[in-house]
Structure formats: structure tokens, C-alpha cells
Amino acid sequence: DVVGCELGGALKNVIAIAFGIAEGLKL
């Protein structure tokens, strides 16, 4: 599953930015 592996690896970085925002806001 090349597509699944590529999309998972790509979009997790976007979600990690959101996670960092939540961490930075101490939510």
C-alpha cells in the first residue's frame, strides 16, 4: 500500500503542528 504509507507519513506532520499548538497553549 504505497498510497496509504505516503499519505500517512505526509499528513502526520500537519497534525503534529496542531498537537504542538495544543501543547503550547497548555490545553
mmCIF file of all heavy atoms, coordinates in Angstrom:
data_MODEL
# 
_entry.id   MODEL 
# 
loop_
_atom_site.group_PDB 
_atom_site.id 
_atom_site.type_symbol 
_atom_site.label_atom_id 
_atom_site.label_alt_id 
_atom_site.label_comp_id 
_atom_site.label_asym_id 
_atom_site.label_entity_id 
_atom_site.label_seq_id 
_atom_site.pdbx_PDB_ins_code 
_atom_site.Cartn_x 
_atom_site.Cartn_y 
_atom_site.Cartn_z 
_atom_site.occupancy 
_atom_site.B_iso_or_equiv 
_atom_site.pdbx_formal_charge 
_atom_site.auth_seq_id 
_atom_site.auth_comp_id 
_atom_site.auth_asym_id 
_atom_site.auth_atom_id 
_atom_site.pdbx_PDB_model_num 
ATOM 1   N N   . ASP A 1 1  ? 0.831  -1.206 0.000  1.00 0.00 ? 1  ASP A N   1 
ATOM 2   C CA  . ASP A 1 1  ? 0.000  0.000  0.000  1.00 0.00 ? 1  ASP A CA  1 
ATOM 3   C C   . ASP A 1 1  ? 0.866  1.256  0.000  1.00 0.00 ? 1  ASP A C   1 
ATOM 4   O O   . ASP A 1 1  ? 1.055  1.909  1.033  1.00 0.00 ? 1  ASP A O   1 
ATOM 5   C CB  . ASP A 1 1  ? -0.939 -0.012 1.212  1.00 0.00 ? 1  ASP A CB  1 
ATOM 6   C CG  . ASP A 1 1  ? -1.961 1.114  1.182  1.00 0.00 ? 1  ASP A CG  1 
ATOM 7   O OD1 . ASP A 1 1  ? -1.997 1.872  0.187  1.00 0.00 ? 1  ASP A OD1 1 
ATOM 8   O OD2 . ASP A 1 1  ? -2.713 1.253  2.158  1.00 0.00 ? 1  ASP A OD2 1 
ATOM 9   N N   . VAL A 1 2  ? 1.385  1.609  -1.158 1.00 0.00 ? 2  VAL A N   1 
ATOM 10  C CA  . VAL A 1 2  ? 2.249  2.775  -1.285 1.00 0.00 ? 2  VAL A CA  1 
ATOM 11  C C   . VAL A 1 2  ? 1.486  4.056  -0.943 1.00 0.00 ? 2  VAL A C   1 
ATOM 12  O O   . VAL A 1 2  ? 1.983  4.928  -0.218 1.00 0.00 ? 2  VAL A O   1 
ATOM 13  C CB  . VAL A 1 2  ? 2.829  2.861  -2.711 1.00 0.00 ? 2  VAL A CB  1 
ATOM 14  C CG1 . VAL A 1 2  ? 3.564  4.177  -2.933 1.00 0.00 ? 2  VAL A CG1 1 
ATOM 15  C CG2 . VAL A 1 2  ? 3.769  1.688  -2.961 1.00 0.00 ? 2  VAL A CG2 1 
ATOM 16  N N   . VAL A 1 3  ? 0.279  4.191  -1.446 1.00 0.00 ? 3  VAL A N   1 
ATOM 17  C CA  . VAL A 1 3  ? -0.503 5.411  -1.233 1.00 0.00 ? 3  VAL A CA  1 
ATOM 18  C C   . VAL A 1 3  ? -0.782 5.622  0.253  1.00 0.00 ? 3  VAL A C   1 
ATOM 19  O O   . VAL A 1 3  ? -0.602 6.725  0.789  1.00 0.00 ? 3  VAL A O   1 
ATOM 20  C CB  . VAL A 1 3  ? -1.822 5.371  -2.025 1.00 0.00 ? 3  VAL A CB  1 
ATOM 21  C CG1 . VAL A 1 3  ? -2.672 6.596  -1.707 1.00 0.00 ? 3  VAL A CG1 1 
ATOM 22  C CG2 . VAL A 1 3  ? -1.549 5.301  -3.516 1.00 0.00 ? 3  VAL A CG2 1 
ATOM 23  N N   . GLY A 1 4  ? -1.219 4.580  0.945  1.00 0.00 ? 4  GLY A N   1 
ATOM 24  C CA  . GLY A 1 4  ? -1.505 4.701  2.364  1.00 0.00 ? 4  GLY A CA  1 
ATOM 25  C C   . GLY A 1 4  ? -0.275 5.094  3.160  1.00 0.00 ? 4  GLY A C   1 
ATOM 26  O O   . GLY A 1 4  ? -0.340 5.947  4.060  1.00 0.00 ? 4  GLY A O   1 
ATOM 27  N N   . CYS A 1 5  ? 0.864  4.484  2.823  1.00 0.00 ? 5  CYS A N   1 
ATOM 28  C CA  . CYS A 1 5  ? 2.103  4.810  3.526  1.00 0.00 ? 5  CYS A CA  1 
ATOM 29  C C   . CYS A 1 5  ? 2.549  6.245  3.240  1.00 0.00 ? 5  CYS A C   1 
ATOM 30  O O   . CYS A 1 5  ? 3.000  6.960  4.144  1.00 0.00 ? 5  CYS A O   1 
ATOM 31  C CB  . CYS A 1 5  ? 3.201  3.826  3.136  1.00 0.00 ? 5  CYS A CB  1 
ATOM 32  S SG  . CYS A 1 5  ? 3.022  2.189  3.879  1.00 0.00 ? 5  CYS A SG  1 
ATOM 33  N N   . GLU A 1 6  ? 2.414  6.678  1.995  1.00 0.00 ? 6  GLU A N   1 
ATOM 34  C CA  . GLU A 1 6  ? 2.841  8.034  1.660  1.00 0.00 ? 6  GLU A CA  1 
ATOM 35  C C   . GLU A 1 6  ? 1.938  9.092  2.297  1.00 0.00 ? 6  GLU A C   1 
ATOM 36  O O   . GLU A 1 6  ? 2.429  10.095 2.833  1.00 0.00 ? 6  GLU A O   1 
ATOM 37  C CB  . GLU A 1 6  ? 2.872  8.215  0.142  1.00 0.00 ? 6  GLU A CB  1 
ATOM 38  C CG  . GLU A 1 6  ? 4.015  7.467  -0.519 1.00 0.00 ? 6  GLU A CG  1 
ATOM 39  C CD  . GLU A 1 6  ? 4.201  7.819  -1.975 1.00 0.00 ? 6  GLU A CD  1 
ATOM 40  O OE1 . GLU A 1 6  ? 3.178  8.062  -2.665 1.00 0.00 ? 6  GLU A OE1 1 
ATOM 41  O OE2 . GLU A 1 6  ? 5.351  7.847  -2.439 1.00 0.00 ? 6  GLU A OE2 1 
ATOM 42  N N   . LEU A 1 7  ? 0.637  8.877  2.266  1.00 0.00 ? 7  LEU A N   1 
ATOM 43  C CA  . LEU A 1 7  ? -0.273 9.876  2.843  1.00 0.00 ? 7  LEU A CA  1 
ATOM 44  C C   . LEU A 1 7  ? -0.172 9.907  4.365  1.00 0.00 ? 7  LEU A C   1 
ATOM 45  O O   . LEU A 1 7  ? -0.220 10.970 4.980  1.00 0.00 ? 7  LEU A O   1 
ATOM 46  C CB  . LEU A 1 7  ? -1.708 9.604  2.401  1.00 0.00 ? 7  LEU A CB  1 
ATOM 47  C CG  . LEU A 1 7  ? -1.997 9.881  0.921  1.00 0.00 ? 7  LEU A CG  1 
ATOM 48  C CD1 . LEU A 1 7  ? -3.446 9.530  0.588  1.00 0.00 ? 7  LEU A CD1 1 
ATOM 49  C CD2 . LEU A 1 7  ? -1.716 11.341 0.567  1.00 0.00 ? 7  LEU A CD2 1 
ATOM 50  N N   . GLY A 1 8  ? -0.030 8.733  4.982  1.00 0.00 ? 8  GLY A N   1 
ATOM 51  C CA  . GLY A 1 8  ? 0.128  8.700  6.428  1.00 0.00 ? 8  GLY A CA  1 
ATOM 52  C C   . GLY A 1 8  ? 1.365  9.437  6.878  1.00 0.00 ? 8  GLY A C   1 
ATOM 53  O O   . GLY A 1 8  ? 1.329  10.241 7.824  1.00 0.00 ? 8  GLY A O   1 
ATOM 54  N N   . GLY A 1 9  ? 2.478  9.200  6.189  1.00 0.00 ? 9  GLY A N   1 
ATOM 55  C CA  . GLY A 1 9  ? 3.724  9.860  6.542  1.00 0.00 ? 9  GLY A CA  1 
ATOM 56  C C   . GLY A 1 9  ? 3.702  11.352 6.289  1.00 0.00 ? 9  GLY A C   1 
ATOM 57  O O   . GLY A 1 9  ? 4.368  12.117 6.992  1.00 0.00 ? 9  GLY A O   1 
ATOM 58  N N   . ALA A 1 10 ? 2.941  11.780 5.299  1.00 0.00 ? 10 ALA A N   1 
ATOM 59  C CA  . ALA A 1 10 ? 2.877  13.209 4.972  1.00 0.00 ? 10 ALA A CA  1 
ATOM 60  C C   . ALA A 1 10 ? 1.988  13.971 5.943  1.00 0.00 ? 10 ALA A C   1 
ATOM 61  O O   . ALA A 1 10 ? 2.407  14.962 6.553  1.00 0.00 ? 10 ALA A O   1 
ATOM 62  C CB  . ALA A 1 10 ? 2.364  13.388 3.539  1.00 0.00 ? 10 ALA A CB  1 
ATOM 63  N N   . LEU A 1 11 ? 0.760  13.511 6.113  1.00 0.00 ? 11 LEU A N   1 
ATOM 64  C CA  . LEU A 1 11 ? -0.203 14.296 6.882  1.00 0.00 ? 11 LEU A CA  1 
ATOM 65  C C   . LEU A 1 11 ? 0.031  14.260 8.383  1.00 0.00 ? 11 LEU A C   1 
ATOM 66  O O   . LEU A 1 11 ? -0.425 15.152 9.100  1.00 0.00 ? 11 LEU A O   1 
ATOM 67  C CB  . LEU A 1 11 ? -1.634 13.856 6.562  1.00 0.00 ? 11 LEU A CB  1 
ATOM 68  C CG  . LEU A 1 11 ? -2.278 14.686 5.443  1.00 0.00 ? 11 LEU A CG  1 
ATOM 69  C CD1 . LEU A 1 11 ? -1.682 14.339 4.094  1.00 0.00 ? 11 LEU A CD1 1 
ATOM 70  C CD2 . LEU A 1 11 ? -3.778 14.524 5.419  1.00 0.00 ? 11 LEU A CD2 1 
ATOM 71  N N   . LYS A 1 12 ? 0.744  13.268 8.883  1.00 0.00 ? 12 LYS A N   1 
ATOM 72  C CA  . LYS A 1 12 ? 1.009  13.245 10.323 1.00 0.00 ? 12 LYS A CA  1 
ATOM 73  C C   . LYS A 1 12 ? 1.802  14.484 10.736 1.00 0.00 ? 12 LYS A C   1 
ATOM 74  O O   . LYS A 1 12 ? 1.690  14.936 11.885 1.00 0.00 ? 12 LYS A O   1 
ATOM 75  C CB  . LYS A 1 12 ? 1.715  11.955 10.711 1.00 0.00 ? 12 LYS A CB  1 
ATOM 76  C CG  . LYS A 1 12 ? 3.054  11.700 10.027 1.00 0.00 ? 12 LYS A CG  1 
ATOM 77  C CD  . LYS A 1 12 ? 4.237  12.267 10.783 1.00 0.00 ? 12 LYS A CD  1 
ATOM 78  C CE  . LYS A 1 12 ? 5.533  12.042 10.028 1.00 0.00 ? 12 LYS A CE  1 
ATOM 79  N NZ  . LYS A 1 12 ? 6.705  12.587 10.732 1.00 0.00 ? 12 LYS A NZ  1 
ATOM 80  N N   . ASN A 1 13 ? 2.599  15.041 9.830  1.00 0.00 ? 13 ASN A N   1 
ATOM 81  C CA  . ASN A 1 13 ? 3.356  16.247 10.172 1.00 0.00 ? 13 ASN A CA  1 
ATOM 82  C C   . ASN A 1 13 ? 2.440  17.451 10.375 1.00 0.00 ? 13 ASN A C   1 
ATOM 83  O O   . ASN A 1 13 ? 2.712  18.311 11.218 1.00 0.00 ? 13 ASN A O   1 
ATOM 84  C CB  . ASN A 1 13 ? 4.375  16.552 9.068  1.00 0.00 ? 13 ASN A CB  1 
ATOM 85  C CG  . ASN A 1 13 ? 5.553  15.608 9.096  1.00 0.00 ? 13 ASN A CG  1 
ATOM 86  O OD1 . ASN A 1 13 ? 5.943  15.118 10.155 1.00 0.00 ? 13 ASN A OD1 1 
ATOM 87  N ND2 . ASN A 1 13 ? 6.132  15.334 7.937  1.00 0.00 ? 13 ASN A ND2 1 
ATOM 88  N N   . VAL A 1 14 ? 1.367  17.520 9.611  1.00 0.00 ? 14 VAL A N   1 
ATOM 89  C CA  . VAL A 1 14 ? 0.396  18.603 9.769  1.00 0.00 ? 14 VAL A CA  1 
ATOM 90  C C   . VAL A 1 14 ? -0.287 18.493 11.129 1.00 0.00 ? 14 VAL A C   1 
ATOM 91  O O   . VAL A 1 14 ? -0.416 19.485 11.863 1.00 0.00 ? 14 VAL A O   1 
ATOM 92  C CB  . VAL A 1 14 ? -0.659 18.564 8.641  1.00 0.00 ? 14 VAL A CB  1 
ATOM 93  C CG1 . VAL A 1 14 ? -1.657 19.700 8.800  1.00 0.00 ? 14 VAL A CG1 1 
ATOM 94  C CG2 . VAL A 1 14 ? 0.013  18.610 7.274  1.00 0.00 ? 14 VAL A CG2 1 
ATOM 95  N N   . ILE A 1 15 ? -0.713 17.284 11.466 1.00 0.00 ? 15 ILE A N   1 
ATOM 96  C CA  . ILE A 1 15 ? -1.405 17.066 12.740 1.00 0.00 ? 15 ILE A CA  1 
ATOM 97  C C   . ILE A 1 15 ? -0.460 17.315 13.907 1.00 0.00 ? 15 ILE A C   1 
ATOM 98  O O   . ILE A 1 15 ? -0.875 17.815 14.971 1.00 0.00 ? 15 ILE A O   1 
ATOM 99  C CB  . ILE A 1 15 ? -1.985 15.645 12.793 1.00 0.00 ? 15 ILE A CB  1 
ATOM 100 C CG1 . ILE A 1 15 ? -2.880 15.383 11.573 1.00 0.00 ? 15 ILE A CG1 1 
ATOM 101 C CG2 . ILE A 1 15 ? -2.766 15.434 14.080 1.00 0.00 ? 15 ILE A CG2 1 
ATOM 102 C CD1 . ILE A 1 15 ? -3.981 16.403 11.347 1.00 0.00 ? 15 ILE A CD1 1 
ATOM 103 N N   . ALA A 1 16 ? 0.815  17.010 13.731 1.00 0.00 ? 16 ALA A N   1 
ATOM 104 C CA  . ALA A 1 16 ? 1.791  17.256 14.793 1.00 0.00 ? 16 ALA A CA  1 
ATOM 105 C C   . ALA A 1 16 ? 1.952  18.751 15.069 1.00 0.00 ? 16 ALA A C   1 
ATOM 106 O O   . ALA A 1 16 ? 2.209  19.156 16.213 1.00 0.00 ? 16 ALA A O   1 
ATOM 107 C CB  . ALA A 1 16 ? 3.134  16.638 14.439 1.00 0.00 ? 16 ALA A CB  1 
ATOM 108 N N   . ILE A 1 17 ? 1.818  19.584 14.041 1.00 0.00 ? 17 ILE A N   1 
ATOM 109 C CA  . ILE A 1 17 ? 1.843  21.037 14.270 1.00 0.00 ? 17 ILE A CA  1 
ATOM 110 C C   . ILE A 1 17 ? 0.659  21.435 15.137 1.00 0.00 ? 17 ILE A C   1 
ATOM 111 O O   . ILE A 1 17 ? 0.797  22.220 16.096 1.00 0.00 ? 17 ILE A O   1 
ATOM 112 C CB  . ILE A 1 17 ? 1.834  21.801 12.936 1.00 0.00 ? 17 ILE A CB  1 
ATOM 113 C CG1 . ILE A 1 17 ? 3.120  21.522 12.148 1.00 0.00 ? 17 ILE A CG1 1 
ATOM 114 C CG2 . ILE A 1 17 ? 1.690  23.313 13.181 1.00 0.00 ? 17 ILE A CG2 1 
ATOM 115 C CD1 . ILE A 1 17 ? 3.127  22.109 10.740 1.00 0.00 ? 17 ILE A CD1 1 
ATOM 116 N N   . ALA A 1 18 ? -0.511 20.871 14.837 1.00 0.00 ? 18 ALA A N   1 
ATOM 117 C CA  . ALA A 1 18 ? -1.697 21.153 15.657 1.00 0.00 ? 18 ALA A CA  1 
ATOM 118 C C   . ALA A 1 18 ? -1.490 20.670 17.097 1.00 0.00 ? 18 ALA A C   1 
ATOM 119 O O   . ALA A 1 18 ? -1.883 21.343 18.054 1.00 0.00 ? 18 ALA A O   1 
ATOM 120 C CB  . ALA A 1 18 ? -2.922 20.472 15.043 1.00 0.00 ? 18 ALA A CB  1 
ATOM 121 N N   . PHE A 1 19 ? -0.878 19.506 17.245 1.00 0.00 ? 19 PHE A N   1 
ATOM 122 C CA  . PHE A 1 19 ? -0.593 18.973 18.577 1.00 0.00 ? 19 PHE A CA  1 
ATOM 123 C C   . PHE A 1 19 ? 0.336  19.923 19.333 1.00 0.00 ? 19 PHE A C   1 
ATOM 124 O O   . PHE A 1 19 ? 0.145  20.199 20.521 1.00 0.00 ? 19 PHE A O   1 
ATOM 125 C CB  . PHE A 1 19 ? 0.049  17.595 18.455 1.00 0.00 ? 19 PHE A CB  1 
ATOM 126 C CG  . PHE A 1 19 ? 0.216  16.869 19.758 1.00 0.00 ? 19 PHE A CG  1 
ATOM 127 C CD1 . PHE A 1 19 ? -0.728 15.938 20.164 1.00 0.00 ? 19 PHE A CD1 1 
ATOM 128 C CD2 . PHE A 1 19 ? 1.316  17.100 20.576 1.00 0.00 ? 19 PHE A CD2 1 
ATOM 129 C CE1 . PHE A 1 19 ? -0.582 15.257 21.368 1.00 0.00 ? 19 PHE A CE1 1 
ATOM 130 C CE2 . PHE A 1 19 ? 1.482  16.429 21.770 1.00 0.00 ? 19 PHE A CE2 1 
ATOM 131 C CZ  . PHE A 1 19 ? 0.524  15.499 22.173 1.00 0.00 ? 19 PHE A CZ  1 
ATOM 132 N N   . GLY A 1 20 ? 1.337  20.440 18.640 1.00 0.00 ? 20 GLY A N   1 
ATOM 133 C CA  . GLY A 1 20 ? 2.251  21.392 19.259 1.00 0.00 ? 20 GLY A CA  1 
ATOM 134 C C   . GLY A 1 20 ? 1.547  22.669 19.692 1.00 0.00 ? 20 GLY A C   1 
ATOM 135 O O   . GLY A 1 20 ? 1.872  23.241 20.746 1.00 0.00 ? 20 GLY A O   1 
ATOM 136 N N   . ILE A 1 21 ? 0.594  23.114 18.901 1.00 0.00 ? 21 ILE A N   1 
ATOM 137 C CA  . ILE A 1 21 ? -0.195 24.286 19.290 1.00 0.00 ? 21 ILE A CA  1 
ATOM 138 C C   . ILE A 1 21 ? -0.952 24.003 20.585 1.00 0.00 ? 21 ILE A C   1 
ATOM 139 O O   . ILE A 1 21 ? -0.964 24.820 21.509 1.00 0.00 ? 21 ILE A O   1 
ATOM 140 C CB  . ILE A 1 21 ? -1.156 24.694 18.160 1.00 0.00 ? 21 ILE A CB  1 
ATOM 141 C CG1 . ILE A 1 21 ? -0.363 25.251 16.961 1.00 0.00 ? 21 ILE A CG1 1 
ATOM 142 C CG2 . ILE A 1 21 ? -2.174 25.720 18.646 1.00 0.00 ? 21 ILE A CG2 1 
ATOM 143 C CD1 . ILE A 1 21 ? -1.198 25.514 15.727 1.00 0.00 ? 21 ILE A CD1 1 
ATOM 144 N N   . ALA A 1 22 ? -1.586 22.830 20.662 1.00 0.00 ? 22 ALA A N   1 
ATOM 145 C CA  . ALA A 1 22 ? -2.304 22.457 21.886 1.00 0.00 ? 22 ALA A CA  1 
ATOM 146 C C   . ALA A 1 22 ? -1.360 22.389 23.078 1.00 0.00 ? 22 ALA A C   1 
ATOM 147 O O   . ALA A 1 22 ? -1.696 22.831 24.191 1.00 0.00 ? 22 ALA A O   1 
ATOM 148 C CB  . ALA A 1 22 ? -3.004 21.109 21.686 1.00 0.00 ? 22 ALA A CB  1 
ATOM 149 N N   . GLU A 1 23 ? -0.177 21.855 22.843 1.00 0.00 ? 23 GLU A N   1 
ATOM 150 C CA  . GLU A 1 23 ? 0.832  21.775 23.910 1.00 0.00 ? 23 GLU A CA  1 
ATOM 151 C C   . GLU A 1 23 ? 1.266  23.173 24.335 1.00 0.00 ? 23 GLU A C   1 
ATOM 152 O O   . GLU A 1 23 ? 1.367  23.476 25.530 1.00 0.00 ? 23 GLU A O   1 
ATOM 153 C CB  . GLU A 1 23 ? 2.030  20.967 23.427 1.00 0.00 ? 23 GLU A CB  1 
ATOM 154 C CG  . GLU A 1 23 ? 3.136  20.790 24.452 1.00 0.00 ? 23 GLU A CG  1 
ATOM 155 C CD  . GLU A 1 23 ? 2.763  19.856 25.579 1.00 0.00 ? 23 GLU A CD  1 
ATOM 156 O OE1 . GLU A 1 23 ? 1.887  18.987 25.383 1.00 0.00 ? 23 GLU A OE1 1 
ATOM 157 O OE2 . GLU A 1 23 ? 3.364  19.983 26.667 1.00 0.00 ? 23 GLU A OE2 1 
ATOM 158 N N   . GLY A 1 24 ? 1.527  24.023 23.358 1.00 0.00 ? 24 GLY A N   1 
ATOM 159 C CA  . GLY A 1 24 ? 1.971  25.384 23.660 1.00 0.00 ? 24 GLY A CA  1 
ATOM 160 C C   . GLY A 1 24 ? 0.929  26.204 24.394 1.00 0.00 ? 24 GLY A C   1 
ATOM 161 O O   . GLY A 1 24 ? 1.263  27.066 25.211 1.00 0.00 ? 24 GLY A O   1 
ATOM 162 N N   . LEU A 1 25 ? -0.346 25.926 24.121 1.00 0.00 ? 25 LEU A N   1 
ATOM 163 C CA  . LEU A 1 25 ? -1.435 26.633 24.809 1.00 0.00 ? 25 LEU A CA  1 
ATOM 164 C C   . LEU A 1 25 ? -1.786 25.984 26.147 1.00 0.00 ? 25 LEU A C   1 
ATOM 165 O O   . LEU A 1 25 ? -2.670 26.484 26.842 1.00 0.00 ? 25 LEU A O   1 
ATOM 166 C CB  . LEU A 1 25 ? -2.679 26.645 23.907 1.00 0.00 ? 25 LEU A CB  1 
ATOM 167 C CG  . LEU A 1 25 ? -2.587 27.487 22.632 1.00 0.00 ? 25 LEU A CG  1 
ATOM 168 C CD1 . LEU A 1 25 ? -3.848 27.310 21.791 1.00 0.00 ? 25 LEU A CD1 1 
ATOM 169 C CD2 . LEU A 1 25 ? -2.365 28.963 22.958 1.00 0.00 ? 25 LEU A CD2 1 
ATOM 170 N N   . LYS A 1 26 ? -1.104 24.859 26.465 1.00 0.00 ? 26 LYS A N   1 
ATOM 171 C CA  . LYS A 1 26 ? -1.333 24.129 27.724 1.00 0.00 ? 26 LYS A CA  1 
ATOM 172 C C   . LYS A 1 26 ? -2.810 23.733 27.867 1.00 0.00 ? 26 LYS A C   1 
ATOM 173 O O   . LYS A 1 26 ? -3.427 23.910 28.923 1.00 0.00 ? 26 LYS A O   1 
ATOM 174 C CB  . LYS A 1 26 ? -0.873 24.961 28.927 1.00 0.00 ? 26 LYS A CB  1 
ATOM 175 C CG  . LYS A 1 26 ? 0.605  25.344 28.851 1.00 0.00 ? 26 LYS A CG  1 
ATOM 176 C CD  . LYS A 1 26 ? 1.070  26.031 30.109 1.00 0.00 ? 26 LYS A CD  1 
ATOM 177 C CE  . LYS A 1 26 ? 2.512  26.490 29.994 1.00 0.00 ? 26 LYS A CE  1 
ATOM 178 N NZ  . LYS A 1 26 ? 3.474  25.428 29.668 1.00 0.00 ? 26 LYS A NZ  1 
ATOM 179 N N   . LEU A 1 27 ? -3.351 23.144 26.795 1.00 0.00 ? 27 LEU A N   1 
ATOM 180 C CA  . LEU A 1 27 ? -4.775 22.796 26.788 1.00 0.00 ? 27 LEU A CA  1 
ATOM 181 C C   . LEU A 1 27 ? -5.067 21.447 27.448 1.00 0.00 ? 27 LEU A C   1 
ATOM 182 O O   . LEU A 1 27 ? -6.223 21.110 27.655 1.00 0.00 ? 27 LEU A O   1 
ATOM 183 C CB  . LEU A 1 27 ? -5.285 22.793 25.344 1.00 0.00 ? 27 LEU A CB  1 
ATOM 184 C CG  . LEU A 1 27 ? -5.294 24.162 24.658 1.00 0.00 ? 27 LEU A CG  1 
ATOM 185 C CD1 . LEU A 1 27 ? -5.801 24.041 23.231 1.00 0.00 ? 27 LEU A CD1 1 
ATOM 186 C CD2 . LEU A 1 27 ? -6.158 25.153 25.438 1.00 0.00 ? 27 LEU A CD2 1 
# 
